Amino acid sequence: MGSVFRGIKQLAGMNTKPLSTTIHKADGSPCQSETETLERWQEHFEAALNHPAGTPSPDLDAEAENAAADISTS
């Protein structure tokens, strides 16, 4: 997970250290430059985060409406 956070920091411009972990492109070949690595992270997060919404579930909605708040402190 450390390489993920370093990649995010690099994308945000918060870190100037080069990435030390080999990142592979979608075809399995290693990224040859920092630019390719950052583009690959962008591809990864776009694929992971951009997907259609889940199917609504009336059963889960009903359960949520009937749920009681957890007042335990443990």
N, C-alpha and C. Protein backbone atom coordinates (compact mmCIF):
# COMPACT_ATOMS: atom_id res chain seq x y z
N MET A 1 0.81 -1.19 0.00
CA MET A 1 0.00 0.00 0.00
C MET A 1 0.86 1.26 0.00
N GLY A 2 2.07 1.16 0.47
CA GLY A 2 2.94 2.33 0.51
C GLY A 2 3.16 2.92 -0.87
N SER A 3 3.30 2.05 -1.89
CA SER A 3 3.52 2.56 -3.24
C SER A 3 2.29 3.30 -3.75
N VAL A 4 1.11 2.89 -3.31
CA VAL A 4 -0.12 3.58 -3.70
C VAL A 4 -0.09 5.00 -3.16
N PHE A 5 0.22 5.15 -1.88
CA PHE A 5 0.25 6.48 -1.27
C PHE A 5 1.34 7.35 -1.89
N ARG A 6 2.50 6.76 -2.20
CA ARG A 6 3.55 7.53 -2.85
C ARG A 6 3.09 8.00 -4.22
N GLY A 7 2.39 7.14 -4.96
CA GLY A 7 1.87 7.53 -6.26
C GLY A 7 0.87 8.66 -6.17
N ILE A 8 -0.01 8.58 -5.19
CA ILE A 8 -1.01 9.65 -4.99
C ILE A 8 -0.32 10.95 -4.62
N LYS A 9 0.66 10.89 -3.74
CA LYS A 9 1.40 12.10 -3.38
C LYS A 9 2.11 12.68 -4.59
N GLN A 10 2.68 11.82 -5.42
CA GLN A 10 3.38 12.28 -6.61
C GLN A 10 2.40 12.97 -7.56
N LEU A 11 1.22 12.38 -7.74
CA LEU A 11 0.21 12.99 -8.61
C LEU A 11 -0.24 14.34 -8.06
N ALA A 12 -0.30 14.46 -6.75
CA ALA A 12 -0.75 15.69 -6.12
C ALA A 12 0.38 16.72 -6.03
N GLY A 13 1.59 16.34 -6.42
CA GLY A 13 2.72 17.26 -6.36
C GLY A 13 3.26 17.46 -4.97
N MET A 14 2.99 16.53 -4.08
CA MET A 14 3.42 16.65 -2.69
C MET A 14 4.73 15.92 -2.41
N ASN A 15 5.25 15.20 -3.37
CA ASN A 15 6.42 14.37 -3.12
C ASN A 15 7.32 14.44 -4.35
N THR A 16 8.60 14.67 -4.14
CA THR A 16 9.51 14.74 -5.28
C THR A 16 10.41 13.52 -5.38
N LYS A 17 10.30 12.58 -4.42
CA LYS A 17 11.10 11.37 -4.49
C LYS A 17 10.57 10.47 -5.61
N PRO A 18 11.46 9.83 -6.36
CA PRO A 18 10.99 8.90 -7.39
C PRO A 18 10.36 7.66 -6.77
N LEU A 19 9.43 7.08 -7.49
CA LEU A 19 8.79 5.85 -7.02
C LEU A 19 9.79 4.71 -7.10
N SER A 20 9.82 3.86 -6.08
CA SER A 20 10.81 2.79 -6.04
C SER A 20 10.25 1.43 -6.42
N THR A 21 8.96 1.31 -6.58
CA THR A 21 8.33 0.05 -6.91
C THR A 21 8.05 -0.01 -8.40
N THR A 22 8.30 -1.17 -9.01
CA THR A 22 8.00 -1.33 -10.43
C THR A 22 6.50 -1.47 -10.62
N ILE A 23 5.96 -0.62 -11.45
CA ILE A 23 4.54 -0.64 -11.77
C ILE A 23 4.41 -1.18 -13.19
N HIS A 24 3.44 -2.06 -13.40
CA HIS A 24 3.26 -2.66 -14.72
C HIS A 24 2.05 -2.07 -15.43
N LYS A 25 2.18 -1.92 -16.73
CA LYS A 25 1.08 -1.43 -17.56
C LYS A 25 0.00 -2.50 -17.64
N ALA A 26 -1.12 -2.14 -18.23
CA ALA A 26 -2.24 -3.08 -18.37
C ALA A 26 -1.84 -4.32 -19.15
N ASP A 27 -0.88 -4.18 -20.09
CA ASP A 27 -0.45 -5.33 -20.89
C ASP A 27 0.59 -6.19 -20.17
N GLY A 28 1.01 -5.78 -18.95
CA GLY A 28 1.95 -6.57 -18.16
C GLY A 28 3.39 -6.11 -18.27
N SER A 29 3.69 -5.25 -19.21
CA SER A 29 5.07 -4.76 -19.34
C SER A 29 5.32 -3.66 -18.30
N PRO A 30 6.57 -3.57 -17.83
CA PRO A 30 6.86 -2.56 -16.80
C PRO A 30 6.84 -1.14 -17.37
N CYS A 31 6.43 -0.20 -16.55
CA CYS A 31 6.48 1.21 -16.95
C CYS A 31 7.94 1.62 -17.04
N GLN A 32 8.29 2.36 -18.08
CA GLN A 32 9.68 2.73 -18.32
C GLN A 32 10.02 4.14 -17.81
N SER A 33 9.01 4.93 -17.49
CA SER A 33 9.27 6.29 -17.03
C SER A 33 8.29 6.66 -15.93
N GLU A 34 8.59 7.75 -15.27
CA GLU A 34 7.70 8.24 -14.22
C GLU A 34 6.36 8.64 -14.83
N THR A 35 6.39 9.21 -16.02
CA THR A 35 5.15 9.61 -16.69
C THR A 35 4.28 8.40 -16.98
N GLU A 36 4.86 7.32 -17.48
CA GLU A 36 4.10 6.09 -17.73
C GLU A 36 3.52 5.54 -16.43
N THR A 37 4.29 5.60 -15.35
CA THR A 37 3.83 5.10 -14.06
C THR A 37 2.62 5.91 -13.59
N LEU A 38 2.71 7.22 -13.67
CA LEU A 38 1.61 8.07 -13.24
C LEU A 38 0.38 7.87 -14.12
N GLU A 39 0.58 7.68 -15.41
CA GLU A 39 -0.55 7.41 -16.31
C GLU A 39 -1.20 6.09 -15.95
N ARG A 40 -0.39 5.09 -15.57
CA ARG A 40 -0.94 3.79 -15.20
C ARG A 40 -1.77 3.89 -13.92
N TRP A 41 -1.28 4.67 -12.93
CA TRP A 41 -2.06 4.87 -11.71
C TRP A 41 -3.39 5.55 -12.05
N GLN A 42 -3.34 6.52 -12.94
CA GLN A 42 -4.57 7.20 -13.35
C GLN A 42 -5.54 6.21 -13.97
N GLU A 43 -5.05 5.35 -14.88
CA GLU A 43 -5.89 4.31 -15.49
C GLU A 43 -6.50 3.41 -14.42
N HIS A 44 -5.66 3.01 -13.46
CA HIS A 44 -6.11 2.10 -12.40
C HIS A 44 -7.26 2.71 -11.61
N PHE A 45 -7.09 3.95 -11.15
CA PHE A 45 -8.13 4.56 -10.33
C PHE A 45 -9.38 4.89 -11.13
N GLU A 46 -9.23 5.27 -12.40
CA GLU A 46 -10.41 5.50 -13.22
C GLU A 46 -11.22 4.22 -13.37
N ALA A 47 -10.53 3.10 -13.58
CA ALA A 47 -11.23 1.82 -13.72
C ALA A 47 -11.85 1.38 -12.39
N ALA A 48 -11.15 1.64 -11.29
CA ALA A 48 -11.64 1.19 -9.98
C ALA A 48 -12.80 2.04 -9.47
N LEU A 49 -12.79 3.33 -9.80
CA LEU A 49 -13.77 4.23 -9.21
C LEU A 49 -14.93 4.59 -10.13
N ASN A 50 -14.76 4.43 -11.42
CA ASN A 50 -15.81 4.82 -12.37
C ASN A 50 -16.55 3.59 -12.86
N HIS A 51 -17.61 3.24 -12.14
CA HIS A 51 -18.42 2.10 -12.52
C HIS A 51 -19.88 2.44 -12.26
N PRO A 52 -20.79 1.74 -12.89
CA PRO A 52 -22.21 2.05 -12.68
C PRO A 52 -22.64 1.80 -11.24
N ALA A 53 -23.66 2.52 -10.84
CA ALA A 53 -24.20 2.34 -9.49
C ALA A 53 -24.78 0.94 -9.35
N GLY A 54 -24.80 0.45 -8.14
CA GLY A 54 -25.36 -0.87 -7.87
C GLY A 54 -26.87 -0.90 -8.05
N THR A 55 -27.40 -2.09 -8.10
CA THR A 55 -28.84 -2.28 -8.23
C THR A 55 -29.52 -1.95 -6.92
N PRO A 56 -30.57 -1.12 -6.95
CA PRO A 56 -31.29 -0.81 -5.70
C PRO A 56 -31.88 -2.08 -5.08
N SER A 57 -31.91 -2.12 -3.76
CA SER A 57 -32.44 -3.28 -3.07
C SER A 57 -33.54 -2.83 -2.09
N PRO A 58 -34.79 -3.08 -2.42
CA PRO A 58 -35.88 -2.70 -1.50
C PRO A 58 -35.74 -3.37 -0.15
N ASP A 59 -35.24 -4.60 -0.12
CA ASP A 59 -35.06 -5.31 1.15
C ASP A 59 -34.06 -4.59 2.06
N LEU A 60 -32.92 -4.16 1.48
CA LEU A 60 -31.93 -3.45 2.28
C LEU A 60 -32.44 -2.08 2.70
N ASP A 61 -33.18 -1.41 1.82
CA ASP A 61 -33.76 -0.11 2.18
C ASP A 61 -34.71 -0.27 3.36
N ALA A 62 -35.52 -1.31 3.34
CA ALA A 62 -36.46 -1.55 4.44
C ALA A 62 -35.71 -1.84 5.73
N GLU A 63 -34.65 -2.63 5.65
CA GLU A 63 -33.85 -2.94 6.84
C GLU A 63 -33.21 -1.67 7.40
N ALA A 64 -32.73 -0.79 6.53
CA ALA A 64 -32.10 0.45 6.97
C ALA A 64 -33.12 1.34 7.69
N GLU A 65 -34.34 1.38 7.20
CA GLU A 65 -35.37 2.19 7.83
C GLU A 65 -35.72 1.66 9.23
N ASN A 66 -35.64 0.36 9.43
CA ASN A 66 -36.01 -0.26 10.70
C ASN A 66 -34.83 -0.43 11.65
N ALA A 67 -33.64 -0.09 11.22
CA ALA A 67 -32.45 -0.30 12.05
C ALA A 67 -32.43 0.68 13.21
N ALA A 68 -31.97 0.21 14.35
CA ALA A 68 -31.80 1.06 15.53
C ALA A 68 -30.36 1.49 15.64
N ALA A 69 -30.14 2.65 16.19
CA ALA A 69 -28.78 3.16 16.39
C ALA A 69 -28.07 2.30 17.43
N ASP A 70 -26.77 2.08 17.22
CA ASP A 70 -25.95 1.32 18.17
C ASP A 70 -25.50 2.28 19.27
N ILE A 71 -25.98 2.10 20.46
CA ILE A 71 -25.65 3.01 21.56
C ILE A 71 -24.58 2.44 22.48
N SER A 72 -24.04 1.28 22.14
CA SER A 72 -23.00 0.68 22.98
C SER A 72 -21.71 1.49 22.85
N THR A 73 -20.91 1.50 23.89
CA THR A 73 -19.65 2.24 23.89
C THR A 73 -18.45 1.32 23.81
N SER A 74 -18.66 0.04 23.63
CA SER A 74 -17.53 -0.89 23.61
C SER A 74 -16.93 -1.06 22.28
